């Protein structure tokens, strides 16, 4: 059910949007925000009146880093499918499927260990794609946003390796004709929430080996009726 965003949900969404300027993502939240923004409630649309729109393309962007030497890796994962329920231009519900077998490191070549890194990320140390080939994001609610560049906040459950965590993600939502697009602000996930603890601080990894637990993530997708 759509309603005005609670204060705590806005605070979570706002804190999720502070991002590293080096992250390769489609759009990041501007730091020049007006002091006051008027928010209108979203039109009430029954889920029974919504139609299923098929996700036809999409990309998730990620960044991994080692704090000790400020080294970073950037990459993508394909959004392979899913369905959005849309009524009168409003996003009401939906499920997004992420194909973890398509994890790719960008800005690297073989001399820099591109294939080795991609294989390691797919291994049991990280996403264990042999047993958990997909991640699923299930939309729970959609709120109006207080961020000027992003007109919605999507609250949903992200499931990776059979573990689920609820997230609040600001998005730029647009419907034109039979095409709908969503572009997320950069937000952070903690990989340990999904039991991805290789060289994590939570297991006492030495500082020179430590891989940051907080991972900047963004995505963009397109759906068609």
Foldseek 3Di string as FASTA:
>chain_A
DEDADDPVLQVQQVVFQDDDPVFPFDDGFDPDADPDDDDDTDDDDDLVQWDKWKWDWKKKKKKKAQVVVGDIWIWIWIFDIKIFTDDPQDTFWIKTKTFLLRTFTPPDDVVRPGVVVSVVCCPPLHQVCVVWGIKMWTWDYKHAHSGPQFGIWTWTWIAGQNAIDIHIWTWHWDDDDFKIKIWTHWGKDFRCSNPNDRQDVVVPRDSNSHMYRIMIMIMMTMTGD
